[in-house]
């Protein structure tokens, strides 16, 4: 009798908790923590909020000259040609958002990161050109 009661309780728990998931949400993207080992594209407007988070890393892979002329707010500069030697500047277990001028170099940099064990890599689609076109914050040198 105790075994039957226990089985009924377990069955009820499975029904109540196992079916509680909203099946209409299956077509929504997985949470950021579930995205692993791939280059993920992200629109500039979506990237803005993500790059403002405390544990996000935002990397501009353009040349120092391009970066100095104006870059997305909060982005640090690690030029693409220096990235393999400077991977120690980035935390592998935190999201990395990568941007360049148009998205080509940042895609290449993103692939380098994934190959080196970075789990959450996001390429900003359209690069700094798209970021600026969207009216998102740009840091430029002070006028002299």
N, C-alpha and C. Protein backbone atom coordinates (compact mmCIF):
# COMPACT_ATOMS: atom_id res chain seq x y z
N UNK A 1 0.82 -1.18 0.00
CA UNK A 1 0.00 0.00 0.00
C UNK A 1 0.87 1.26 0.00
N UNK A 2 1.96 1.23 0.83
CA UNK A 2 2.85 2.39 0.87
C UNK A 2 3.51 2.60 -0.49
N UNK A 3 3.85 1.50 -1.17
CA UNK A 3 4.49 1.62 -2.48
C UNK A 3 3.55 2.24 -3.50
N UNK A 4 2.30 1.88 -3.46
CA UNK A 4 1.31 2.44 -4.39
C UNK A 4 1.13 3.92 -4.12
N UNK A 5 1.04 4.30 -2.84
CA UNK A 5 0.89 5.71 -2.48
C UNK A 5 2.10 6.51 -2.94
N UNK A 6 3.29 5.96 -2.74
CA UNK A 6 4.51 6.65 -3.16
C UNK A 6 4.54 6.81 -4.67
N UNK A 7 4.16 5.78 -5.40
CA UNK A 7 4.11 5.87 -6.86
C UNK A 7 3.10 6.90 -7.33
N UNK A 8 1.99 7.00 -6.65
CA UNK A 8 0.97 8.00 -7.01
C UNK A 8 1.49 9.41 -6.78
N UNK A 9 2.20 9.61 -5.68
CA UNK A 9 2.78 10.93 -5.40
C UNK A 9 3.82 11.29 -6.46
N UNK A 10 4.66 10.34 -6.81
CA UNK A 10 5.68 10.58 -7.84
C UNK A 10 5.01 10.88 -9.18
N UNK A 11 4.00 10.11 -9.54
CA UNK A 11 3.29 10.32 -10.81
C UNK A 11 2.65 11.69 -10.83
N UNK A 12 2.03 12.10 -9.72
CA UNK A 12 1.41 13.42 -9.64
C UNK A 12 2.45 14.52 -9.79
N UNK A 13 3.59 14.35 -9.15
CA UNK A 13 4.67 15.34 -9.26
C UNK A 13 5.16 15.47 -10.69
N UNK A 14 5.31 14.34 -11.37
CA UNK A 14 5.75 14.36 -12.78
C UNK A 14 4.74 15.10 -13.63
N UNK A 15 3.47 14.83 -13.42
CA UNK A 15 2.43 15.49 -14.20
C UNK A 15 2.42 16.98 -13.93
N UNK A 16 2.47 17.36 -12.67
CA UNK A 16 2.40 18.77 -12.31
C UNK A 16 3.64 19.55 -12.74
N UNK A 17 4.80 19.02 -12.50
CA UNK A 17 6.02 19.77 -12.78
C UNK A 17 6.58 19.48 -14.17
N UNK A 18 6.40 18.29 -14.65
CA UNK A 18 6.91 17.94 -15.97
C UNK A 18 6.15 18.59 -17.09
N UNK A 19 4.88 18.85 -16.90
CA UNK A 19 4.06 19.45 -17.94
C UNK A 19 3.89 20.94 -17.76
N UNK A 20 4.50 21.48 -16.75
CA UNK A 20 4.34 22.91 -16.48
C UNK A 20 5.06 23.78 -17.48
N UNK A 21 5.97 23.24 -18.25
CA UNK A 21 6.74 24.02 -19.21
C UNK A 21 5.84 24.53 -20.32
N UNK A 22 5.98 25.77 -20.67
CA UNK A 22 5.19 26.39 -21.72
C UNK A 22 5.74 25.97 -23.08
N UNK A 23 5.04 25.13 -23.78
CA UNK A 23 5.52 24.57 -25.04
C UNK A 23 5.54 25.62 -26.16
N UNK A 24 4.87 26.75 -25.98
CA UNK A 24 4.88 27.78 -27.02
C UNK A 24 6.22 28.49 -27.10
N UNK A 25 7.06 28.32 -26.12
CA UNK A 25 8.35 29.01 -26.10
C UNK A 25 9.46 28.21 -26.76
N UNK A 26 9.14 27.10 -27.37
CA UNK A 26 10.17 26.27 -27.99
C UNK A 26 10.81 26.94 -29.19
N UNK A 27 10.13 27.90 -29.82
CA UNK A 27 10.70 28.55 -30.99
C UNK A 27 11.52 29.79 -30.62
N UNK A 28 11.63 30.09 -29.34
CA UNK A 28 12.44 31.24 -28.92
C UNK A 28 13.89 30.79 -28.76
N UNK A 29 14.82 31.71 -28.95
CA UNK A 29 16.23 31.33 -28.82
C UNK A 29 16.55 30.89 -27.39
N UNK A 30 17.54 30.03 -27.24
CA UNK A 30 17.91 29.59 -25.89
C UNK A 30 18.54 30.73 -25.12
N UNK A 31 18.54 30.65 -23.80
CA UNK A 31 19.20 31.70 -23.01
C UNK A 31 20.68 31.74 -23.35
N UNK A 32 21.29 32.90 -23.13
CA UNK A 32 22.69 33.10 -23.48
C UNK A 32 23.59 32.02 -22.89
N UNK A 33 23.27 31.55 -21.70
CA UNK A 33 24.11 30.55 -21.07
C UNK A 33 24.06 29.21 -21.78
N UNK A 34 23.03 29.01 -22.63
CA UNK A 34 22.91 27.73 -23.33
C UNK A 34 23.62 27.77 -24.69
N UNK A 35 24.06 28.94 -25.12
CA UNK A 35 24.74 29.07 -26.40
C UNK A 35 26.21 28.80 -26.17
N UNK A 36 26.74 27.76 -26.78
CA UNK A 36 28.13 27.38 -26.52
C UNK A 36 28.86 27.06 -27.80
N UNK A 37 30.15 27.34 -27.78
CA UNK A 37 31.09 26.90 -28.79
C UNK A 37 30.65 27.15 -30.21
N UNK A 38 30.17 28.34 -30.48
CA UNK A 38 29.81 28.73 -31.84
C UNK A 38 29.87 30.25 -31.93
N UNK A 39 30.05 30.75 -33.14
CA UNK A 39 29.99 32.18 -33.35
C UNK A 39 28.51 32.53 -33.54
N UNK A 40 28.01 33.38 -32.71
CA UNK A 40 26.62 33.80 -32.75
C UNK A 40 26.55 35.23 -33.25
N UNK A 41 25.66 35.50 -34.18
CA UNK A 41 25.48 36.86 -34.68
C UNK A 41 24.53 37.60 -33.74
N UNK A 42 24.81 38.89 -33.53
CA UNK A 42 23.94 39.71 -32.69
C UNK A 42 23.83 41.09 -33.34
N UNK A 43 22.63 41.62 -33.39
CA UNK A 43 22.39 42.95 -33.97
C UNK A 43 22.95 44.02 -33.03
N UNK A 44 23.38 45.14 -33.58
CA UNK A 44 23.94 46.20 -32.74
C UNK A 44 23.02 46.63 -31.60
N UNK A 45 21.74 46.81 -31.88
CA UNK A 45 20.81 47.24 -30.82
C UNK A 45 20.73 46.21 -29.69
N UNK A 46 20.76 44.95 -30.03
CA UNK A 46 20.74 43.90 -29.01
C UNK A 46 22.07 43.84 -28.27
N UNK A 47 23.15 44.08 -28.99
CA UNK A 47 24.48 44.04 -28.39
C UNK A 47 24.69 45.17 -27.38
N UNK A 48 24.07 46.33 -27.63
CA UNK A 48 24.27 47.47 -26.74
C UNK A 48 23.95 47.10 -25.29
N UNK A 49 22.77 46.56 -25.05
CA UNK A 49 22.39 46.20 -23.69
C UNK A 49 23.31 45.13 -23.12
N UNK A 50 23.67 44.14 -23.94
CA UNK A 50 24.51 43.04 -23.47
C UNK A 50 25.92 43.54 -23.12
N UNK A 51 26.46 44.46 -23.89
CA UNK A 51 27.82 44.94 -23.65
C UNK A 51 27.90 45.87 -22.44
N UNK A 52 26.77 46.30 -21.96
CA UNK A 52 26.74 47.16 -20.77
C UNK A 52 26.73 46.33 -19.48
N UNK A 53 26.50 45.03 -19.60
CA UNK A 53 26.44 44.15 -18.42
C UNK A 53 27.81 44.06 -17.75
N UNK A 54 27.79 43.84 -16.46
CA UNK A 54 29.02 43.83 -15.67
C UNK A 54 30.04 42.81 -16.14
N UNK A 55 29.62 41.65 -16.54
CA UNK A 55 30.58 40.60 -16.88
C UNK A 55 30.75 40.39 -18.37
N UNK A 56 30.32 41.32 -19.18
CA UNK A 56 30.52 41.16 -20.62
C UNK A 56 31.87 41.72 -21.02
N UNK A 57 32.36 41.22 -22.13
CA UNK A 57 33.63 41.68 -22.68
C UNK A 57 33.34 42.15 -24.10
N UNK A 58 33.78 43.33 -24.43
CA UNK A 58 33.47 43.93 -25.73
C UNK A 58 34.80 44.29 -26.38
N UNK A 59 35.10 43.64 -27.50
CA UNK A 59 36.40 43.77 -28.14
C UNK A 59 36.26 44.32 -29.55
N UNK A 60 36.98 45.39 -29.82
CA UNK A 60 37.07 45.97 -31.16
C UNK A 60 38.38 45.47 -31.76
N UNK A 61 38.29 44.75 -32.88
CA UNK A 61 39.48 44.13 -33.46
C UNK A 61 40.07 44.93 -34.62
N UNK A 62 39.66 46.18 -34.76
CA UNK A 62 40.24 47.03 -35.80
C UNK A 62 41.64 47.48 -35.41
N UNK A 63 42.29 48.15 -36.33
CA UNK A 63 43.63 48.66 -36.04
C UNK A 63 43.56 49.74 -34.97
N UNK A 64 44.66 50.01 -34.28
CA UNK A 64 44.66 51.07 -33.27
C UNK A 64 44.25 52.43 -33.85
N UNK A 65 44.61 52.68 -35.09
CA UNK A 65 44.26 53.96 -35.73
C UNK A 65 42.74 54.05 -35.95
N UNK A 66 42.15 52.96 -36.43
CA UNK A 66 40.69 52.95 -36.64
C UNK A 66 39.97 53.12 -35.30
N UNK A 67 40.44 52.39 -34.31
CA UNK A 67 39.84 52.43 -32.97
C UNK A 67 39.92 53.85 -32.40
N UNK A 68 41.08 54.49 -32.53
CA UNK A 68 41.28 55.83 -31.98
C UNK A 68 40.40 56.87 -32.65
N UNK A 69 40.02 56.63 -33.89
CA UNK A 69 39.17 57.59 -34.61
C UNK A 69 37.73 57.57 -34.11
N UNK A 70 37.34 56.52 -33.41
CA UNK A 70 35.99 56.40 -32.86
C UNK A 70 35.60 54.94 -32.77
N UNK A 71 35.06 54.56 -31.62
CA UNK A 71 34.70 53.15 -31.42
C UNK A 71 33.45 53.05 -30.56
N UNK A 72 32.83 51.89 -30.62
CA UNK A 72 31.64 51.64 -29.81
C UNK A 72 31.99 51.81 -28.34
N UNK A 73 31.09 52.45 -27.62
CA UNK A 73 31.32 52.71 -26.20
C UNK A 73 31.59 51.41 -25.45
N UNK A 74 32.58 51.43 -24.58
CA UNK A 74 33.02 50.34 -23.71
C UNK A 74 33.86 49.28 -24.40
N UNK A 75 34.06 49.38 -25.71
CA UNK A 75 34.87 48.38 -26.41
C UNK A 75 36.35 48.63 -26.13
N UNK A 76 37.08 47.53 -25.91
CA UNK A 76 38.53 47.62 -25.77
C UNK A 76 39.14 47.22 -27.11
N UNK A 77 40.33 47.68 -27.38
CA UNK A 77 40.97 47.39 -28.66
C UNK A 77 41.99 46.27 -28.52
N UNK A 78 41.74 45.18 -29.25
CA UNK A 78 42.72 44.12 -29.44
C UNK A 78 42.69 43.84 -30.94
N UNK A 79 43.63 44.41 -31.69
CA UNK A 79 43.63 44.23 -33.14
C UNK A 79 43.64 42.75 -33.54
N UNK A 80 42.96 42.44 -34.62
CA UNK A 80 42.85 41.06 -35.09
C UNK A 80 44.20 40.37 -35.19
N UNK A 81 45.20 41.07 -35.74
CA UNK A 81 46.51 40.43 -35.92
C UNK A 81 47.23 40.16 -34.60
N UNK A 82 46.78 40.76 -33.50
CA UNK A 82 47.38 40.54 -32.18
C UNK A 82 46.54 39.62 -31.30
N UNK A 83 45.33 39.30 -31.74
CA UNK A 83 44.41 38.53 -30.90
C UNK A 83 44.97 37.20 -30.42
N UNK A 84 45.56 36.37 -31.28
CA UNK A 84 46.06 35.07 -30.79
C UNK A 84 47.07 35.20 -29.65
N UNK A 85 47.89 36.25 -29.65
CA UNK A 85 48.89 36.43 -28.59
C UNK A 85 48.31 37.11 -27.36
N UNK A 86 47.12 37.68 -27.47
CA UNK A 86 46.56 38.44 -26.36
C UNK A 86 45.28 37.82 -25.79
N UNK A 87 45.07 36.55 -26.05
CA UNK A 87 43.88 35.88 -25.55
C UNK A 87 43.79 35.89 -24.03
N UNK A 88 44.94 36.01 -23.36
CA UNK A 88 44.96 36.02 -21.91
C UNK A 88 44.26 37.24 -21.32
N UNK A 89 43.95 38.22 -22.13
CA UNK A 89 43.23 39.42 -21.67
C UNK A 89 41.73 39.17 -21.54
N UNK A 90 41.27 38.02 -22.07
CA UNK A 90 39.84 37.74 -22.09
C UNK A 90 39.50 36.52 -21.25
N UNK A 91 38.40 36.60 -20.54
CA UNK A 91 37.92 35.51 -19.70
C UNK A 91 37.10 34.54 -20.56
N UNK A 92 37.45 33.26 -20.51
CA UNK A 92 36.78 32.25 -21.33
C UNK A 92 35.34 31.98 -20.91
N UNK A 93 35.01 32.18 -19.66
CA UNK A 93 33.68 31.82 -19.17
C UNK A 93 32.71 32.99 -19.08
N UNK A 94 33.01 34.06 -19.78
CA UNK A 94 32.12 35.21 -19.83
C UNK A 94 31.86 35.55 -21.29
N UNK A 95 30.70 36.13 -21.59
CA UNK A 95 30.40 36.46 -22.99
C UNK A 95 31.42 37.44 -23.57
N UNK A 96 31.77 37.20 -24.84
CA UNK A 96 32.67 38.10 -25.56
C UNK A 96 31.91 38.60 -26.79
N UNK A 97 31.78 39.92 -26.90
CA UNK A 97 31.14 40.56 -28.05
C UNK A 97 32.26 41.17 -28.88
N UNK A 98 32.27 40.86 -30.17
CA UNK A 98 33.37 41.26 -31.04
C UNK A 98 32.82 42.16 -32.14
N UNK A 99 33.54 43.26 -32.39
CA UNK A 99 33.12 44.23 -33.40
C UNK A 99 34.33 44.68 -34.21
N UNK A 100 34.11 45.04 -35.46
CA UNK A 100 35.15 45.64 -36.31
C UNK A 100 34.46 46.77 -37.08
N UNK A 101 34.84 47.02 -38.31
CA UNK A 101 34.19 48.09 -39.06
C UNK A 101 32.90 47.61 -39.73
N UNK A 102 32.94 46.44 -40.36
CA UNK A 102 31.77 45.96 -41.11
C UNK A 102 31.29 44.58 -40.69
N UNK A 103 32.06 43.86 -39.89
CA UNK A 103 31.67 42.52 -39.45
C UNK A 103 32.54 41.41 -39.99
N UNK A 104 33.38 41.68 -40.97
CA UNK A 104 34.22 40.64 -41.56
C UNK A 104 35.36 40.23 -40.63
N UNK A 105 36.13 41.20 -40.16
CA UNK A 105 37.25 40.89 -39.26
C UNK A 105 36.76 40.36 -37.91
N UNK A 106 35.65 40.89 -37.44
CA UNK A 106 35.12 40.42 -36.15
C UNK A 106 34.62 38.98 -36.26
N UNK A 107 34.12 38.60 -37.42
CA UNK A 107 33.71 37.21 -37.64
C UNK A 107 34.95 36.30 -37.57
N UNK A 108 36.03 36.74 -38.21
CA UNK A 108 37.28 35.97 -38.17
C UNK A 108 37.81 35.88 -36.74
N UNK A 109 37.77 37.00 -36.02
CA UNK A 109 38.22 37.01 -34.62
C UNK A 109 37.34 36.11 -33.76
N UNK A 110 36.04 36.12 -34.01
CA UNK A 110 35.11 35.27 -33.26
C UNK A 110 35.45 33.80 -33.45
N UNK A 111 35.78 33.44 -34.68
CA UNK A 111 36.15 32.04 -34.96
C UNK A 111 37.43 31.65 -34.24
N UNK A 112 38.38 32.58 -34.14
CA UNK A 112 39.62 32.33 -33.39
C UNK A 112 39.28 32.08 -31.92
N UNK A 113 38.38 32.88 -31.37
CA UNK A 113 38.01 32.71 -29.96
C UNK A 113 37.36 31.35 -29.72
N UNK A 114 36.43 30.98 -30.58
CA UNK A 114 35.75 29.68 -30.41
C UNK A 114 36.76 28.54 -30.49
N UNK A 115 37.68 28.62 -31.45
CA UNK A 115 38.70 27.56 -31.59
C UNK A 115 39.61 27.48 -30.37
N UNK A 116 39.70 28.56 -29.61
CA UNK A 116 40.55 28.58 -28.43
C UNK A 116 39.77 28.38 -27.14
N UNK A 117 38.56 27.86 -27.24
CA UNK A 117 37.82 27.46 -26.06
C UNK A 117 36.91 28.49 -25.43
N UNK A 118 36.64 29.59 -26.11
CA UNK A 118 35.71 30.59 -25.58
C UNK A 118 34.30 30.11 -25.86
N UNK A 119 33.46 30.09 -24.83
CA UNK A 119 32.14 29.48 -24.92
C UNK A 119 31.06 30.37 -25.50
N UNK A 120 31.07 31.65 -25.18
CA UNK A 120 29.99 32.54 -25.59
C UNK A 120 30.58 33.69 -26.40
N UNK A 121 30.54 33.53 -27.72
CA UNK A 121 31.15 34.51 -28.62
C UNK A 121 30.06 35.08 -29.53
N UNK A 122 29.98 36.40 -29.58
CA UNK A 122 28.96 37.08 -30.36
C UNK A 122 29.60 38.09 -31.30
N UNK A 123 29.33 37.94 -32.58
CA UNK A 123 29.82 38.86 -33.59
C UNK A 123 28.76 39.93 -33.82
N UNK A 124 29.13 41.20 -33.66
CA UNK A 124 28.18 42.30 -33.87
C UNK A 124 28.00 42.48 -35.37
N UNK A 125 26.81 42.13 -35.85
CA UNK A 125 26.51 42.20 -37.29
C UNK A 125 26.63 43.62 -37.81
N UNK A 126 27.33 43.75 -38.92
CA UNK A 126 27.47 45.06 -39.55
C UNK A 126 28.55 45.94 -38.94
N UNK A 127 29.12 45.51 -37.83
CA UNK A 127 30.24 46.20 -37.22
C UNK A 127 29.95 47.61 -36.74
N UNK A 128 31.01 48.39 -36.64
CA UNK A 128 30.92 49.76 -36.14
C UNK A 128 30.07 50.63 -37.06
N UNK A 129 30.11 50.34 -38.36
CA UNK A 129 29.28 51.10 -39.31
C UNK A 129 27.80 50.96 -38.94
N UNK A 130 27.36 49.74 -38.68
CA UNK A 130 25.96 49.50 -38.31
C UNK A 130 25.67 50.06 -36.92
N UNK A 131 26.63 49.94 -36.01
CA UNK A 131 26.49 50.47 -34.65
C UNK A 131 26.23 51.98 -34.70
N UNK A 132 27.06 52.65 -35.48
CA UNK A 132 26.93 54.11 -35.59
C UNK A 132 25.65 54.50 -36.33
N UNK A 133 25.30 53.77 -37.38
CA UNK A 133 24.06 54.04 -38.13
C UNK A 133 22.83 53.89 -37.24
N UNK A 134 22.91 52.99 -36.27
CA UNK A 134 21.78 52.77 -35.36
C UNK A 134 21.72 53.86 -34.28
N UNK A 135 22.68 54.78 -34.28
CA UNK A 135 22.69 55.87 -33.30
C UNK A 135 23.15 55.43 -31.92
N UNK A 136 23.90 54.34 -31.87
CA UNK A 136 24.38 53.83 -30.58
C UNK A 136 25.63 54.60 -30.16
N UNK A 137 25.96 54.60 -28.86
CA UNK A 137 27.05 55.43 -28.35
C UNK A 137 28.43 55.08 -28.94
N UNK A 138 29.08 56.12 -29.40
CA UNK A 138 30.43 56.04 -29.96
C UNK A 138 31.34 56.93 -29.12
N UNK A 139 32.51 56.41 -28.78
CA UNK A 139 33.51 57.22 -28.09
C UNK A 139 34.50 57.71 -29.11
N UNK A 140 34.64 59.03 -29.17
CA UNK A 140 35.58 59.66 -30.12
C UNK A 140 36.57 60.49 -29.34
N UNK A 141 37.73 60.72 -29.96
CA UNK A 141 38.72 61.56 -29.26
C UNK A 141 38.16 62.99 -29.06
N UNK A 142 38.58 63.59 -27.97
CA UNK A 142 38.15 64.96 -27.67
C UNK A 142 38.65 65.91 -28.74
N UNK A 143 37.81 66.86 -29.11
CA UNK A 143 38.20 67.87 -30.10
C UNK A 143 39.28 68.77 -29.49
N UNK A 144 40.25 69.13 -30.32
CA UNK A 144 41.35 69.97 -29.82
C UNK A 144 41.09 71.42 -30.08
